[in-house]
Amino acid sequence: MGTCAICGGKLYWSGDFTFEDYDYEGEGLVSNWKCSNEDCNADVQFTVEDKVAEEKQMTRMFALVKEEHRKHHGVVINKPTRGTKFSAGYDLSIPVQVVLKPNEKKLVFTDVKAYMNDDEVLKIYPRSGLATKQGIILANIVPVIDKDYAYSDNDGNIGLCLWNTSEQLVILEAGQRVAQGIFEKYYITQDDEANETRTSGFGSTGTN
C-alpha cells in the first residue's frame, strides 16, 4: 500500500499484524513497512491504520494523525462523522477554541487525516449555518485533499483556514463542527502523464 518516498518503489508490510490486535479507540501503533526495491530497502514508518485500511479493504476512512504530528495535545479530537443517514458530508470539528476578529483568517489543524481510493478526492466545504449566521467561511473556498496527502511529512493533518467575513468578533468552541468533507470521484485525461509523488504536507504541490 503506497509508494516509497525515497525511490518510488512499492511498499510491503514487514511485520506480523492481525486486525483483532488493533483498537480503533486507541492512538494507533507504529510499525514498519519496507520498500520492495532491493537497492533501496528503506524502512518506512506508518501507523497501523495504514495496515488496517489495506487488510480490511477500508480504502475510505478517517483516522487520527500520529502524536508527533498533532498541533493540539491533551485535547479531545473528534473523527469526522455524518449527521444523518443521507448526509453527503462528514462534519469536521476543531480541537480547540478559536477566536476570530472581524475579517481575520486563521489556519487551524484538525489532527485528523483521510484515506481514500486512487481515483477519489476529499473536498472540504463550509457548513452553511456557520456561514450564513456568523459569516465564517473557508479562505481557500473549497480545499482539496488528495489521496497521497495522507502519506506526507505531516502525516496528512487536515488544516482549515477559517475566515471571519463579518464585522463581529466570533468565538468558535472546541469540538464545534466548522466544515464538512465530501468524498468525490475524479477523472484524468487520456494523455495524462503525471507520475510524481507527494513528500511534503500542507500546500506542498507548488505554484507553477
N, C-alpha and C. Protein backbone atom coordinates (compact mmCIF):
# COMPACT_ATOMS: atom_id res chain seq x y z
N MET A 1 0.85 -1.20 0.00
CA MET A 1 0.00 0.00 0.00
C MET A 1 0.88 1.24 0.00
N GLY A 2 0.78 2.09 -1.01
CA GLY A 2 1.58 3.30 -1.07
C GLY A 2 2.91 3.07 -1.76
N THR A 3 3.65 4.13 -1.93
CA THR A 3 4.94 4.06 -2.58
C THR A 3 6.01 4.65 -1.69
N CYS A 4 7.24 4.23 -1.90
CA CYS A 4 8.38 4.70 -1.11
C CYS A 4 8.69 6.15 -1.48
N ALA A 5 8.82 7.01 -0.47
CA ALA A 5 9.11 8.42 -0.71
C ALA A 5 10.54 8.63 -1.19
N ILE A 6 11.40 7.60 -1.04
CA ILE A 6 12.80 7.73 -1.42
C ILE A 6 13.02 7.37 -2.89
N CYS A 7 12.49 6.18 -3.30
CA CYS A 7 12.76 5.73 -4.66
C CYS A 7 11.50 5.53 -5.50
N GLY A 8 10.31 5.58 -4.88
CA GLY A 8 9.07 5.39 -5.62
C GLY A 8 8.63 3.95 -5.75
N GLY A 9 9.38 3.02 -5.14
CA GLY A 9 9.02 1.61 -5.21
C GLY A 9 7.80 1.29 -4.37
N LYS A 10 7.21 0.12 -4.61
CA LYS A 10 6.05 -0.31 -3.85
C LYS A 10 6.46 -0.71 -2.43
N LEU A 11 5.58 -0.40 -1.46
CA LEU A 11 5.84 -0.76 -0.08
C LEU A 11 5.15 -2.08 0.26
N TYR A 12 5.76 -2.87 1.14
CA TYR A 12 5.12 -4.07 1.64
C TYR A 12 5.26 -4.13 3.15
N TRP A 13 4.35 -4.84 3.80
CA TRP A 13 4.31 -4.94 5.26
C TRP A 13 5.38 -5.90 5.75
N SER A 14 6.22 -5.48 6.69
CA SER A 14 7.37 -6.29 7.11
C SER A 14 7.19 -6.92 8.48
N GLY A 15 6.03 -6.73 9.11
CA GLY A 15 5.83 -7.28 10.44
C GLY A 15 4.54 -8.07 10.54
N ASP A 16 4.35 -8.75 11.66
CA ASP A 16 3.13 -9.50 11.90
C ASP A 16 2.03 -8.56 12.36
N PHE A 17 0.83 -8.83 11.90
CA PHE A 17 -0.29 -7.97 12.28
C PHE A 17 -1.60 -8.73 12.10
N THR A 18 -2.48 -8.63 13.07
CA THR A 18 -3.84 -9.15 12.92
C THR A 18 -4.81 -8.03 13.24
N PHE A 19 -5.90 -7.99 12.52
CA PHE A 19 -6.87 -6.92 12.69
C PHE A 19 -7.39 -6.86 14.12
N GLU A 20 -7.51 -8.04 14.76
CA GLU A 20 -8.06 -8.09 16.11
C GLU A 20 -7.15 -7.41 17.12
N ASP A 21 -5.87 -7.26 16.78
CA ASP A 21 -4.91 -6.65 17.71
C ASP A 21 -5.06 -5.13 17.78
N TYR A 22 -5.82 -4.57 16.85
CA TYR A 22 -5.88 -3.11 16.76
C TYR A 22 -7.12 -2.58 17.45
N ASP A 23 -6.93 -1.56 18.28
CA ASP A 23 -8.03 -0.92 18.99
C ASP A 23 -8.34 0.41 18.32
N TYR A 24 -9.53 0.51 17.70
CA TYR A 24 -9.88 1.73 16.97
C TYR A 24 -9.95 2.95 17.87
N GLU A 25 -10.18 2.74 19.16
CA GLU A 25 -10.27 3.89 20.06
C GLU A 25 -8.90 4.32 20.54
N GLY A 26 -7.86 3.52 20.26
CA GLY A 26 -6.52 3.85 20.71
C GLY A 26 -5.83 4.82 19.78
N GLU A 27 -4.56 5.07 20.04
CA GLU A 27 -3.81 6.05 19.28
C GLU A 27 -3.28 5.45 17.98
N GLY A 28 -3.18 4.13 17.88
CA GLY A 28 -2.59 3.52 16.69
C GLY A 28 -1.12 3.25 16.91
N LEU A 29 -0.69 2.02 16.75
CA LEU A 29 0.69 1.66 16.96
C LEU A 29 1.51 2.03 15.73
N VAL A 30 2.82 2.13 15.90
CA VAL A 30 3.70 2.42 14.78
C VAL A 30 4.46 1.16 14.42
N SER A 31 4.43 0.76 13.17
CA SER A 31 5.12 -0.43 12.71
C SER A 31 5.81 -0.15 11.38
N ASN A 32 6.67 -1.09 10.95
CA ASN A 32 7.49 -0.85 9.77
C ASN A 32 6.88 -1.40 8.49
N TRP A 33 7.02 -0.61 7.43
CA TRP A 33 6.82 -1.08 6.07
C TRP A 33 8.21 -1.09 5.43
N LYS A 34 8.41 -1.88 4.39
CA LYS A 34 9.68 -1.89 3.69
C LYS A 34 9.45 -1.66 2.20
N CYS A 35 10.49 -1.13 1.56
CA CYS A 35 10.43 -0.88 0.13
C CYS A 35 10.77 -2.17 -0.61
N SER A 36 10.02 -2.47 -1.68
CA SER A 36 10.24 -3.70 -2.45
C SER A 36 11.47 -3.60 -3.36
N ASN A 37 11.99 -2.39 -3.54
CA ASN A 37 13.20 -2.19 -4.34
C ASN A 37 14.42 -2.65 -3.53
N GLU A 38 15.08 -3.70 -3.98
CA GLU A 38 16.20 -4.25 -3.22
C GLU A 38 17.36 -3.28 -3.09
N ASP A 39 17.50 -2.38 -4.05
CA ASP A 39 18.58 -1.39 -3.99
C ASP A 39 18.28 -0.27 -2.99
N CYS A 40 17.02 -0.18 -2.57
CA CYS A 40 16.61 0.85 -1.61
C CYS A 40 16.40 0.24 -0.24
N ASN A 41 15.41 -0.66 -0.15
CA ASN A 41 15.10 -1.39 1.09
C ASN A 41 14.95 -0.47 2.30
N ALA A 42 14.28 0.65 2.10
CA ALA A 42 14.11 1.62 3.18
C ALA A 42 13.03 1.18 4.15
N ASP A 43 13.22 1.49 5.44
CA ASP A 43 12.18 1.29 6.43
C ASP A 43 11.31 2.53 6.44
N VAL A 44 10.00 2.36 6.39
CA VAL A 44 9.07 3.48 6.34
C VAL A 44 8.10 3.38 7.51
N GLN A 45 7.94 4.44 8.25
CA GLN A 45 7.08 4.44 9.42
C GLN A 45 5.67 4.89 9.07
N PHE A 46 4.69 4.02 9.30
CA PHE A 46 3.29 4.38 9.13
C PHE A 46 2.52 3.87 10.34
N THR A 47 1.38 4.43 10.61
CA THR A 47 0.56 3.93 11.70
C THR A 47 -0.16 2.66 11.28
N VAL A 48 -0.66 1.92 12.25
CA VAL A 48 -1.36 0.67 11.98
C VAL A 48 -2.63 0.93 11.18
N GLU A 49 -3.17 2.15 11.22
CA GLU A 49 -4.34 2.45 10.40
C GLU A 49 -4.07 2.14 8.93
N ASP A 50 -2.82 2.34 8.47
CA ASP A 50 -2.48 2.05 7.09
C ASP A 50 -2.68 0.56 6.80
N LYS A 51 -2.20 -0.28 7.74
CA LYS A 51 -2.33 -1.72 7.55
C LYS A 51 -3.79 -2.15 7.66
N VAL A 52 -4.53 -1.54 8.58
CA VAL A 52 -5.96 -1.86 8.71
C VAL A 52 -6.68 -1.55 7.40
N ALA A 53 -6.40 -0.39 6.83
CA ALA A 53 -7.06 0.02 5.60
C ALA A 53 -6.77 -0.98 4.49
N GLU A 54 -5.56 -1.52 4.46
CA GLU A 54 -5.20 -2.47 3.41
C GLU A 54 -5.88 -3.82 3.64
N GLU A 55 -5.72 -4.38 4.85
CA GLU A 55 -6.22 -5.72 5.12
C GLU A 55 -7.74 -5.80 5.09
N LYS A 56 -8.41 -4.78 5.56
CA LYS A 56 -9.87 -4.78 5.59
C LYS A 56 -10.46 -4.11 4.34
N GLN A 57 -9.59 -3.71 3.40
CA GLN A 57 -10.02 -3.00 2.20
C GLN A 57 -10.85 -1.77 2.55
N MET A 58 -10.47 -1.15 3.67
CA MET A 58 -11.14 0.08 4.09
C MET A 58 -10.38 1.25 3.48
N THR A 59 -10.56 1.44 2.19
CA THR A 59 -9.78 2.44 1.48
C THR A 59 -10.37 3.83 1.58
N ARG A 60 -11.47 3.98 2.29
CA ARG A 60 -12.06 5.30 2.50
C ARG A 60 -12.40 5.40 3.98
N MET A 61 -11.58 6.15 4.73
CA MET A 61 -11.80 6.24 6.17
C MET A 61 -11.04 7.44 6.73
N PHE A 62 -11.43 7.86 7.93
CA PHE A 62 -10.72 8.91 8.66
C PHE A 62 -9.95 8.28 9.82
N ALA A 63 -8.85 8.91 10.20
CA ALA A 63 -8.05 8.43 11.32
C ALA A 63 -7.36 9.63 11.97
N LEU A 64 -6.90 9.45 13.20
CA LEU A 64 -6.14 10.50 13.88
C LEU A 64 -4.70 10.47 13.37
N VAL A 65 -4.08 11.63 13.25
CA VAL A 65 -2.67 11.66 12.86
C VAL A 65 -1.82 11.21 14.04
N LYS A 66 -0.60 10.83 13.76
CA LYS A 66 0.30 10.36 14.80
C LYS A 66 0.58 11.50 15.79
N GLU A 67 0.84 11.12 17.02
CA GLU A 67 1.01 12.08 18.11
C GLU A 67 2.05 13.15 17.79
N GLU A 68 3.17 12.75 17.18
CA GLU A 68 4.24 13.71 16.92
C GLU A 68 3.88 14.74 15.85
N HIS A 69 2.82 14.49 15.11
CA HIS A 69 2.41 15.43 14.07
C HIS A 69 1.17 16.24 14.47
N ARG A 70 0.69 16.03 15.67
CA ARG A 70 -0.50 16.77 16.10
C ARG A 70 -0.13 18.19 16.52
N LYS A 71 -1.04 19.11 16.25
CA LYS A 71 -0.84 20.50 16.63
C LYS A 71 -1.43 20.78 18.01
N HIS A 72 -2.31 19.90 18.47
CA HIS A 72 -3.01 20.11 19.74
C HIS A 72 -2.86 18.85 20.60
N HIS A 73 -2.34 19.02 21.79
CA HIS A 73 -2.10 17.88 22.67
C HIS A 73 -2.96 18.00 23.94
N GLY A 74 -3.36 16.86 24.46
CA GLY A 74 -4.15 16.84 25.68
C GLY A 74 -5.58 17.30 25.49
N VAL A 75 -6.09 17.21 24.26
CA VAL A 75 -7.47 17.62 23.97
C VAL A 75 -8.19 16.48 23.26
N VAL A 76 -9.50 16.56 23.22
CA VAL A 76 -10.30 15.56 22.53
C VAL A 76 -10.31 15.87 21.03
N ILE A 77 -10.00 14.86 20.23
CA ILE A 77 -10.02 15.01 18.78
C ILE A 77 -11.14 14.13 18.24
N ASN A 78 -12.08 14.74 17.54
CA ASN A 78 -13.24 14.00 17.03
C ASN A 78 -13.02 13.61 15.57
N LYS A 79 -13.20 12.32 15.27
CA LYS A 79 -13.17 11.90 13.88
C LYS A 79 -14.43 12.41 13.18
N PRO A 80 -14.31 12.82 11.92
CA PRO A 80 -15.48 13.32 11.18
C PRO A 80 -16.59 12.27 11.08
N THR A 81 -17.81 12.72 11.25
CA THR A 81 -18.98 11.84 11.14
C THR A 81 -20.07 12.55 10.34
N ARG A 82 -21.01 11.76 9.83
CA ARG A 82 -22.16 12.33 9.12
C ARG A 82 -23.28 12.59 10.11
N GLY A 83 -24.06 13.62 9.84
CA GLY A 83 -25.14 13.97 10.75
C GLY A 83 -26.35 13.08 10.63
N THR A 84 -26.65 12.62 9.41
CA THR A 84 -27.81 11.77 9.18
C THR A 84 -27.46 10.66 8.19
N LYS A 85 -28.37 9.72 8.02
CA LYS A 85 -28.17 8.59 7.11
C LYS A 85 -27.93 9.02 5.68
N PHE A 86 -28.53 10.13 5.27
CA PHE A 86 -28.42 10.57 3.88
C PHE A 86 -27.53 11.80 3.71
N SER A 87 -26.78 12.16 4.74
CA SER A 87 -25.85 13.29 4.62
C SER A 87 -24.70 12.93 3.70
N ALA A 88 -24.35 13.83 2.81
CA ALA A 88 -23.21 13.60 1.92
C ALA A 88 -21.89 13.94 2.60
N GLY A 89 -21.94 14.94 3.50
CA GLY A 89 -20.72 15.44 4.11
C GLY A 89 -20.42 14.88 5.49
N TYR A 90 -19.13 14.72 5.76
CA TYR A 90 -18.64 14.34 7.08
C TYR A 90 -18.22 15.62 7.81
N ASP A 91 -18.83 15.87 8.95
CA ASP A 91 -18.56 17.10 9.69
C ASP A 91 -17.18 17.07 10.34
N LEU A 92 -16.41 18.13 10.10
CA LEU A 92 -15.09 18.28 10.71
C LEU A 92 -15.18 19.31 11.83
N SER A 93 -14.60 18.98 12.95
CA SER A 93 -14.63 19.89 14.10
C SER A 93 -13.23 20.36 14.45
N ILE A 94 -13.16 21.42 15.23
CA ILE A 94 -11.86 21.96 15.66
C ILE A 94 -11.56 21.46 17.08
N PRO A 95 -10.31 21.08 17.37
CA PRO A 95 -9.98 20.53 18.68
C PRO A 95 -9.87 21.57 19.79
N VAL A 96 -9.71 22.83 19.43
CA VAL A 96 -9.50 23.89 20.42
C VAL A 96 -10.39 25.09 20.11
N GLN A 97 -10.52 25.96 21.10
CA GLN A 97 -11.28 27.20 20.88
C GLN A 97 -10.52 28.11 19.92
N VAL A 98 -11.26 28.75 19.02
CA VAL A 98 -10.66 29.68 18.06
C VAL A 98 -11.40 31.01 18.14
N VAL A 99 -10.64 32.08 18.32
CA VAL A 99 -11.22 33.43 18.38
C VAL A 99 -10.82 34.17 17.10
N LEU A 100 -11.82 34.65 16.38
CA LEU A 100 -11.58 35.34 15.11
C LEU A 100 -12.09 36.78 15.17
N LYS A 101 -11.20 37.70 14.97
CA LYS A 101 -11.58 39.10 14.89
C LYS A 101 -12.23 39.37 13.52
N PRO A 102 -12.93 40.48 13.37
CA PRO A 102 -13.53 40.80 12.08
C PRO A 102 -12.51 40.75 10.94
N ASN A 103 -12.84 40.02 9.89
CA ASN A 103 -12.00 39.86 8.70
C ASN A 103 -10.69 39.12 8.97
N GLU A 104 -10.59 38.44 10.09
CA GLU A 104 -9.37 37.71 10.41
C GLU A 104 -9.43 36.29 9.85
N LYS A 105 -8.24 35.77 9.45
CA LYS A 105 -8.10 34.41 8.97
C LYS A 105 -7.15 33.64 9.89
N LYS A 106 -7.49 32.39 10.17
CA LYS A 106 -6.63 31.55 10.98
C LYS A 106 -6.61 30.13 10.43
N LEU A 107 -5.41 29.57 10.34
CA LEU A 107 -5.26 28.19 9.92
C LEU A 107 -5.30 27.29 11.16
N VAL A 108 -6.27 26.41 11.20
CA VAL A 108 -6.45 25.52 12.35
C VAL A 108 -6.38 24.08 11.86
N PHE A 109 -5.49 23.30 12.44
CA PHE A 109 -5.36 21.91 12.05
C PHE A 109 -6.30 21.04 12.89
N THR A 110 -6.90 20.06 12.22
CA THR A 110 -7.89 19.20 12.87
C THR A 110 -7.27 18.01 13.57
N ASP A 111 -6.00 17.69 13.26
CA ASP A 111 -5.30 16.50 13.76
C ASP A 111 -5.98 15.22 13.29
N VAL A 112 -6.64 15.32 12.15
CA VAL A 112 -7.32 14.18 11.51
C VAL A 112 -6.79 14.04 10.09
N LYS A 113 -6.69 12.81 9.59
CA LYS A 113 -6.27 12.53 8.23
C LYS A 113 -7.34 11.72 7.52
N ALA A 114 -7.24 11.61 6.19
CA ALA A 114 -8.24 10.88 5.41
C ALA A 114 -7.56 9.92 4.43
N TYR A 115 -8.08 8.70 4.37
CA TYR A 115 -7.67 7.72 3.37
C TYR A 115 -8.77 7.65 2.30
N MET A 116 -8.36 7.37 1.07
CA MET A 116 -9.36 7.25 0.00
C MET A 116 -8.81 6.42 -1.14
N ASN A 117 -9.67 6.07 -2.10
CA ASN A 117 -9.26 5.30 -3.26
C ASN A 117 -8.41 6.14 -4.21
N ASP A 118 -7.73 5.46 -5.14
CA ASP A 118 -6.82 6.15 -6.05
C ASP A 118 -7.50 7.22 -6.90
N ASP A 119 -8.75 7.01 -7.25
CA ASP A 119 -9.45 7.95 -8.13
C ASP A 119 -10.44 8.83 -7.37
N GLU A 120 -10.15 9.09 -6.11
CA GLU A 120 -11.04 9.90 -5.29
C GLU A 120 -10.31 11.09 -4.70
N VAL A 121 -11.09 12.08 -4.30
CA VAL A 121 -10.56 13.28 -3.65
C VAL A 121 -11.53 13.66 -2.54
N LEU A 122 -11.02 14.28 -1.51
CA LEU A 122 -11.87 14.79 -0.44
C LEU A 122 -11.94 16.31 -0.57
N LYS A 123 -13.15 16.83 -0.79
CA LYS A 123 -13.34 18.27 -0.89
C LYS A 123 -13.98 18.78 0.40
N ILE A 124 -13.48 19.91 0.87
CA ILE A 124 -13.97 20.48 2.13
C ILE A 124 -14.82 21.71 1.84
N TYR A 125 -16.00 21.74 2.42
CA TYR A 125 -16.94 22.85 2.23
C TYR A 125 -17.30 23.46 3.59
N PRO A 126 -17.63 24.75 3.62
CA PRO A 126 -18.09 25.36 4.88
C PRO A 126 -19.47 24.83 5.25
N ARG A 127 -19.76 24.80 6.53
CA ARG A 127 -21.10 24.44 6.96
C ARG A 127 -22.01 25.65 6.72
N SER A 128 -23.14 25.42 6.07
CA SER A 128 -23.99 26.52 5.63
C SER A 128 -24.48 27.39 6.78
N GLY A 129 -24.82 26.77 7.91
CA GLY A 129 -25.32 27.54 9.04
C GLY A 129 -24.28 28.48 9.61
N LEU A 130 -23.03 28.03 9.67
CA LEU A 130 -21.95 28.85 10.21
C LEU A 130 -21.67 30.04 9.29
N ALA A 131 -21.77 29.81 8.00
CA ALA A 131 -21.51 30.88 7.04
C ALA A 131 -22.60 31.94 7.05
N THR A 132 -23.85 31.50 7.08
CA THR A 132 -24.96 32.45 6.97
C THR A 132 -25.23 33.17 8.29
N LYS A 133 -25.02 32.51 9.42
CA LYS A 133 -25.34 33.11 10.71
C LYS A 133 -24.18 33.91 11.32
N GLN A 134 -22.93 33.43 11.10
CA GLN A 134 -21.79 34.09 11.72
C GLN A 134 -20.75 34.59 10.73
N GLY A 135 -20.94 34.33 9.46
CA GLY A 135 -20.01 34.83 8.45
C GLY A 135 -18.69 34.10 8.40
N ILE A 136 -18.64 32.85 8.89
CA ILE A 136 -17.40 32.08 8.88
C ILE A 136 -17.37 31.19 7.65
N ILE A 137 -16.37 31.40 6.79
CA ILE A 137 -16.19 30.59 5.60
C ILE A 137 -14.75 30.07 5.56
N LEU A 138 -14.44 29.29 4.55
CA LEU A 138 -13.07 28.81 4.34
C LEU A 138 -12.36 29.76 3.38
N ALA A 139 -11.18 30.23 3.77
CA ALA A 139 -10.48 31.24 2.98
C ALA A 139 -10.10 30.73 1.59
N ASN A 140 -9.81 29.43 1.46
CA ASN A 140 -9.47 28.87 0.15
C ASN A 140 -10.69 28.24 -0.52
N ILE A 141 -11.88 28.69 -0.12
CA ILE A 141 -13.17 28.35 -0.72
C ILE A 141 -13.50 26.86 -0.63
N VAL A 142 -12.89 26.03 -1.49
CA VAL A 142 -13.12 24.57 -1.42
C VAL A 142 -11.76 23.87 -1.39
N PRO A 143 -11.21 23.66 -0.22
CA PRO A 143 -9.92 22.94 -0.11
C PRO A 143 -10.04 21.53 -0.70
N VAL A 144 -8.97 21.09 -1.35
CA VAL A 144 -8.92 19.77 -1.97
C VAL A 144 -7.87 18.91 -1.27
N ILE A 145 -8.28 17.76 -0.78
CA ILE A 145 -7.37 16.83 -0.10
C ILE A 145 -7.14 15.64 -1.04
N ASP A 146 -5.91 15.47 -1.50
CA ASP A 146 -5.58 14.37 -2.39
C ASP A 146 -5.28 13.09 -1.60
N LYS A 147 -5.33 11.96 -2.28
CA LYS A 147 -5.07 10.68 -1.63
C LYS A 147 -3.68 10.63 -0.99
N ASP A 148 -2.64 11.11 -1.71
CA ASP A 148 -1.28 10.98 -1.19
C ASP A 148 -0.95 11.97 -0.08
N TYR A 149 -1.86 12.88 0.22
CA TYR A 149 -1.63 13.79 1.35
C TYR A 149 -1.55 13.02 2.66
N ALA A 150 -2.24 11.87 2.75
CA ALA A 150 -2.24 11.07 3.97
C ALA A 150 -0.85 10.54 4.29
N TYR A 151 0.06 10.48 3.30
CA TYR A 151 1.38 9.91 3.50
C TYR A 151 2.47 10.98 3.44
N SER A 152 2.10 12.24 3.61
CA SER A 152 3.06 13.33 3.56
C SER A 152 3.81 13.46 4.88
N ASP A 153 4.75 14.41 4.92
CA ASP A 153 5.61 14.52 6.10
C ASP A 153 4.91 15.11 7.32
N ASN A 154 3.65 15.53 7.19
CA ASN A 154 2.89 15.96 8.37
C ASN A 154 1.79 14.95 8.70
N ASP A 155 1.93 13.74 8.11
CA ASP A 155 1.02 12.63 8.35
C ASP A 155 -0.41 12.95 7.89
N GLY A 156 -0.54 13.83 6.92
CA GLY A 156 -1.85 14.11 6.35
C GLY A 156 -2.77 14.95 7.21
N ASN A 157 -2.21 15.73 8.12
CA ASN A 157 -3.02 16.55 9.03
C ASN A 157 -3.84 17.58 8.23
N ILE A 158 -5.16 17.44 8.30
CA ILE A 158 -6.05 18.32 7.54
C ILE A 158 -6.17 19.67 8.24
N GLY A 159 -5.84 20.74 7.52
CA GLY A 159 -5.94 22.08 8.08
C GLY A 159 -7.09 22.85 7.46
N LEU A 160 -7.73 23.68 8.27
CA LEU A 160 -8.84 24.50 7.81
C LEU A 160 -8.48 25.97 8.00
N CYS A 161 -8.47 26.74 6.92
CA CYS A 161 -8.20 28.18 7.03
C CYS A 161 -9.53 28.90 7.19
N LEU A 162 -9.86 29.23 8.44
CA LEU A 162 -11.15 29.85 8.76
C LEU A 162 -11.06 31.36 8.58
N TRP A 163 -12.10 31.94 8.00
CA TRP A 163 -12.12 33.37 7.69
C TRP A 163 -13.41 33.98 8.23
N ASN A 164 -13.25 34.95 9.10
CA ASN A 164 -14.39 35.66 9.65
C ASN A 164 -14.70 36.85 8.75
N THR A 165 -15.72 36.71 7.92
CA THR A 165 -16.08 37.78 6.98
C THR A 165 -17.04 38.80 7.57
N SER A 166 -17.41 38.62 8.84
CA SER A 166 -18.36 39.52 9.48
C SER A 166 -17.64 40.70 10.12
N GLU A 167 -18.41 41.60 10.69
CA GLU A 167 -17.87 42.76 11.40
C GLU A 167 -17.87 42.55 12.90
N GLN A 168 -18.12 41.31 13.32
CA GLN A 168 -18.21 40.99 14.74
C GLN A 168 -17.12 40.00 15.14
N LEU A 169 -16.72 40.04 16.41
CA LEU A 169 -15.82 39.03 16.96
C LEU A 169 -16.58 37.70 17.03
N VAL A 170 -15.96 36.64 16.56
CA VAL A 170 -16.60 35.32 16.57
C VAL A 170 -15.73 34.35 17.37
N ILE A 171 -16.36 33.65 18.31
CA ILE A 171 -15.67 32.64 19.11
C ILE A 171 -16.22 31.27 18.75
N LEU A 172 -15.35 30.40 18.27
CA LEU A 172 -15.71 29.02 17.94
C LEU A 172 -15.17 28.11 19.04
N GLU A 173 -16.04 27.32 19.62
CA GLU A 173 -15.65 26.49 20.76
C GLU A 173 -14.99 25.18 20.33
N ALA A 174 -14.17 24.64 21.22
CA ALA A 174 -13.53 23.35 20.97
C ALA A 174 -14.59 22.28 20.73
N GLY A 175 -14.40 21.49 19.70
CA GLY A 175 -15.36 20.46 19.36
C GLY A 175 -16.45 20.91 18.42
N GLN A 176 -16.49 22.22 18.11
CA GLN A 176 -17.53 22.73 17.23
C GLN A 176 -17.28 22.29 15.80
N ARG A 177 -18.35 21.89 15.11
CA ARG A 177 -18.27 21.50 13.71
C ARG A 177 -18.23 22.75 12.84
N VAL A 178 -17.18 22.88 12.03
CA VAL A 178 -16.99 24.11 11.27
C VAL A 178 -16.95 23.89 9.76
N ALA A 179 -16.82 22.64 9.33
CA ALA A 179 -16.74 22.36 7.90
C ALA A 179 -17.25 20.94 7.65
N GLN A 180 -17.42 20.61 6.38
CA GLN A 180 -17.84 19.26 6.03
C GLN A 180 -17.05 18.76 4.82
N GLY A 181 -16.64 17.51 4.90
CA GLY A 181 -15.85 16.91 3.83
C GLY A 181 -16.68 15.93 3.02
N ILE A 182 -16.56 15.99 1.70
CA ILE A 182 -17.30 15.11 0.81
C ILE A 182 -16.32 14.39 -0.10
N PHE A 183 -16.36 13.06 -0.09
CA PHE A 183 -15.52 12.27 -0.98
C PHE A 183 -16.14 12.28 -2.39
N GLU A 184 -15.31 12.53 -3.39
CA GLU A 184 -15.79 12.57 -4.76
C GLU A 184 -14.83 11.84 -5.69
N LYS A 185 -15.36 11.22 -6.71
CA LYS A 185 -14.54 10.58 -7.73
C LYS A 185 -14.09 11.64 -8.74
N TYR A 186 -12.86 11.50 -9.23
CA TYR A 186 -12.38 12.43 -10.25
C TYR A 186 -11.86 11.65 -11.46
N TYR A 187 -11.69 12.36 -12.56
CA TYR A 187 -11.25 11.73 -13.80
C TYR A 187 -10.00 12.42 -14.32
N ILE A 188 -9.21 11.69 -15.11
CA ILE A 188 -8.00 12.26 -15.69
C ILE A 188 -8.09 12.14 -17.22
N THR A 189 -7.31 12.95 -17.92
CA THR A 189 -7.32 12.92 -19.38
C THR A 189 -6.58 11.69 -19.91
N GLN A 190 -6.85 11.31 -21.13
CA GLN A 190 -6.23 10.13 -21.73
C GLN A 190 -4.73 10.30 -21.92
N ASP A 191 -4.28 11.54 -22.07
CA ASP A 191 -2.85 11.77 -22.28
C ASP A 191 -2.14 12.24 -21.01
N ASP A 192 -2.76 12.01 -19.86
CA ASP A 192 -2.16 12.43 -18.59
C ASP A 192 -0.86 11.66 -18.33
N GLU A 193 0.19 12.38 -17.94
CA GLU A 193 1.49 11.75 -17.70
C GLU A 193 2.03 12.03 -16.31
N ALA A 194 1.19 12.47 -15.41
CA ALA A 194 1.66 12.78 -14.05
C ALA A 194 2.14 11.51 -13.35
N ASN A 195 3.37 11.55 -12.82
CA ASN A 195 3.89 10.39 -12.12
C ASN A 195 4.68 10.76 -10.87
N GLU A 196 4.64 12.04 -10.51
CA GLU A 196 5.32 12.47 -9.29
C GLU A 196 4.53 12.05 -8.06
N THR A 197 5.21 11.91 -6.94
CA THR A 197 4.54 11.59 -5.67
C THR A 197 4.82 12.69 -4.67
N ARG A 198 3.85 12.93 -3.81
CA ARG A 198 3.96 13.97 -2.79
C ARG A 198 4.86 13.49 -1.65
N THR A 199 5.71 14.39 -1.16
CA THR A 199 6.52 14.08 0.02
C THR A 199 6.30 15.08 1.14
N SER A 200 5.84 16.28 0.80
CA SER A 200 5.61 17.31 1.81
C SER A 200 4.13 17.45 2.12
N GLY A 201 3.84 18.30 3.11
CA GLY A 201 2.48 18.39 3.60
C GLY A 201 1.67 19.53 3.05
N PHE A 202 1.09 20.36 3.92
CA PHE A 202 0.12 21.38 3.58
C PHE A 202 0.68 22.35 2.56
N GLY A 203 -0.05 22.51 1.43
CA GLY A 203 0.34 23.48 0.40
C GLY A 203 1.64 23.17 -0.30
N SER A 204 1.96 21.87 -0.47
CA SER A 204 3.28 21.49 -0.97
C SER A 204 3.35 21.23 -2.46
N THR A 205 2.24 21.33 -3.18
CA THR A 205 2.26 20.99 -4.61
C THR A 205 2.75 22.12 -5.49
N GLY A 206 3.09 23.26 -4.90
CA GLY A 206 3.75 24.32 -5.65
C GLY A 206 2.81 25.30 -6.30
N THR A 207 3.40 26.30 -6.98
CA THR A 207 2.63 27.36 -7.62
C THR A 207 2.78 27.36 -9.13
N ASN A 208 3.71 26.55 -9.67
CA ASN A 208 3.95 26.53 -11.12
C ASN A 208 3.25 25.35 -11.77
